[in-house]
C-alpha atoms as a PDB file:
ATOM      1  CA  UNK A   1     118.630  76.569 125.595  1.00  0.00           C
ATOM      2  CA  UNK A   2     115.428  77.497 127.455  1.00  0.00           C
ATOM      3  CA  UNK A   3     113.276  80.487 126.590  1.00  0.00           C
ATOM      4  CA  UNK A   4     110.368  81.677 128.719  1.00  0.00           C
ATOM      5  CA  UNK A   5     107.515  83.704 127.262  1.00  0.00           C
ATOM      6  CA  UNK A   6     104.780  85.717 128.964  1.00  0.00           C
ATOM      7  CA  UNK A   7     101.379  85.059 127.391  1.00  0.00           C
ATOM      8  CA  UNK A   8      97.721  85.858 127.964  1.00  0.00           C
ATOM      9  CA  UNK A   9      96.542  82.262 127.498  1.00  0.00           C
ATOM     10  CA  UNK A  10      93.878  81.649 130.161  1.00  0.00           C
ATOM     11  CA  UNK A  11      92.288  78.283 129.498  1.00  0.00           C
ATOM     12  CA  UNK A  12      93.694  74.774 129.418  1.00  0.00           C
ATOM     13  CA  UNK A  13      91.928  74.160 126.085  1.00  0.00           C
ATOM     14  CA  UNK A  14      93.752  77.153 124.599  1.00  0.00           C
ATOM     15  CA  UNK A  15      97.108  75.947 125.874  1.00  0.00           C
ATOM     16  CA  UNK A  16      96.494  72.430 124.524  1.00  0.00           C
ATOM     17  CA  UNK A  17      95.656  73.824 121.089  1.00  0.00           C
ATOM     18  CA  UNK A  18      98.816  75.952 121.054  1.00  0.00           C
ATOM     19  CA  UNK A  19     100.940  73.085 122.377  1.00  0.00           C
ATOM     20  CA  UNK A  20      99.713  70.910 119.532  1.00  0.00           C
ATOM     21  CA  UNK A  21     100.544  73.556 116.925  1.00  0.00           C
ATOM     22  CA  UNK A  22     103.922  74.422 118.436  1.00  0.00           C
ATOM     23  CA  UNK A  23     104.897  70.756 118.857  1.00  0.00           C
ATOM     24  CA  UNK A  24     104.024  70.060 115.237  1.00  0.00           C
ATOM     25  CA  UNK A  25     106.025  73.077 114.065  1.00  0.00           C
ATOM     26  CA  UNK A  26     108.984  72.424 116.398  1.00  0.00           C
ATOM     27  CA  UNK A  27     109.010  68.629 116.970  1.00  0.00           C
ATOM     28  CA  UNK A  28     112.440  68.566 118.640  1.00  0.00           C
ATOM     29  CA  UNK A  29     111.542  71.189 121.280  1.00  0.00           C
ATOM     30  CA  UNK A  30     110.184  70.471 124.760  1.00  0.00           C
ATOM     31  CA  UNK A  31     107.237  72.854 125.203  1.00  0.00           C
ATOM     32  CA  UNK A  32     104.870  73.482 128.109  1.00  0.00           C
ATOM     33  CA  UNK A  33     102.594  76.079 129.671  1.00  0.00           C
ATOM     34  CA  UNK A  34     102.312  77.066 133.313  1.00  0.00           C
ATOM     35  CA  UNK A  35      98.875  78.657 133.551  1.00  0.00           C
ATOM     36  CA  UNK A  36      99.104  78.846 137.353  1.00  0.00           C
ATOM     37  CA  UNK A  37     101.915  81.396 137.012  1.00  0.00           C
ATOM     38  CA  UNK A  38     100.764  85.041 136.988  1.00  0.00           C
ATOM     39  CA  UNK A  39     102.508  85.491 133.594  1.00  0.00           C
ATOM     40  CA  UNK A  40     100.828  82.398 132.051  1.00  0.00           C
ATOM     41  CA  UNK A  41     104.278  81.304 130.949  1.00  0.00           C
ATOM     42  CA  UNK A  42     105.172  79.292 127.900  1.00  0.00           C
ATOM     43  CA  UNK A  43     108.493  77.466 128.284  1.00  0.00           C
ATOM     44  CA  UNK A  44     110.349  76.221 125.256  1.00  0.00           C
ATOM     45  CA  UNK A  45     113.517  74.148 125.474  1.00  0.00           C
ATOM     46  CA  UNK A  46     115.658  73.114 122.540  1.00  0.00           C
ATOM     47  CA  UNK A  47     118.579  73.855 120.280  1.00  0.00           C
ATOM     48  CA  UNK A  48     118.527  76.583 117.626  1.00  0.00           C
ATOM     49  CA  UNK A  49     115.659  78.455 119.283  1.00  0.00           C
ATOM     50  CA  UNK A  50     113.539  80.477 116.869  1.00  0.00           C
ATOM     51  CA  UNK A  51     112.176  83.074 119.300  1.00  0.00           C
ATOM     52  CA  UNK A  52     110.564  85.372 116.738  1.00  0.00           C
ATOM     53  CA  UNK A  53     108.953  82.484 114.893  1.00  0.00           C
ATOM     54  CA  UNK A  54     107.488  81.115 118.147  1.00  0.00           C
ATOM     55  CA  UNK A  55     106.131  84.546 119.098  1.00  0.00           C
ATOM     56  CA  UNK A  56     104.639  85.112 115.645  1.00  0.00           C
ATOM     57  CA  UNK A  57     102.952  81.696 115.681  1.00  0.00           C
ATOM     58  CA  UNK A  58     101.347  82.298 119.095  1.00  0.00           C
ATOM     59  CA  UNK A  59     100.233  85.782 118.001  1.00  0.00           C
ATOM     60  CA  UNK A  60      98.777  84.327 114.788  1.00  0.00           C
ATOM     61  CA  UNK A  61      96.231  82.515 116.964  1.00  0.00           C
ATOM     62  CA  UNK A  62      95.243  85.706 118.806  1.00  0.00           C
ATOM     63  CA  UNK A  63      97.376  85.565 121.930  1.00  0.00           C
ATOM     64  CA  UNK A  64      99.986  87.929 123.305  1.00  0.00           C
ATOM     65  CA  UNK A  65     103.487  86.534 123.560  1.00  0.00           C
ATOM     66  CA  UNK A  66     106.677  88.245 124.678  1.00  0.00           C
ATOM     67  CA  UNK A  67     110.012  87.108 126.037  1.00  0.00           C
ATOM     68  CA  UNK A  68     110.040  87.144 129.833  1.00  0.00           C
ATOM     69  CA  UNK A  69     113.259  88.552 131.288  1.00  0.00           C
END
C-alpha cells in the first residue's frame, strides 16, 4: 500500500530530520519526500499503514500533513 501526504516541509534538512524519525518509528516502510512537487509530498509505502499515526508524528514536529487525494 502507498499513501501520499501533502506537507509544508520546505528544506532538505527538515525532510532528512523527519525521514530519520519516521524510518525509526516505521522501519519496514519505504519513505521519501519530493520537495520539488508543489505539494511537498511525503510518500510512504508498506503494509498495515498507520495513516493517523504518521500524520500525528509529522505534526508533532511542527509541520502540516494531510492525505493527498
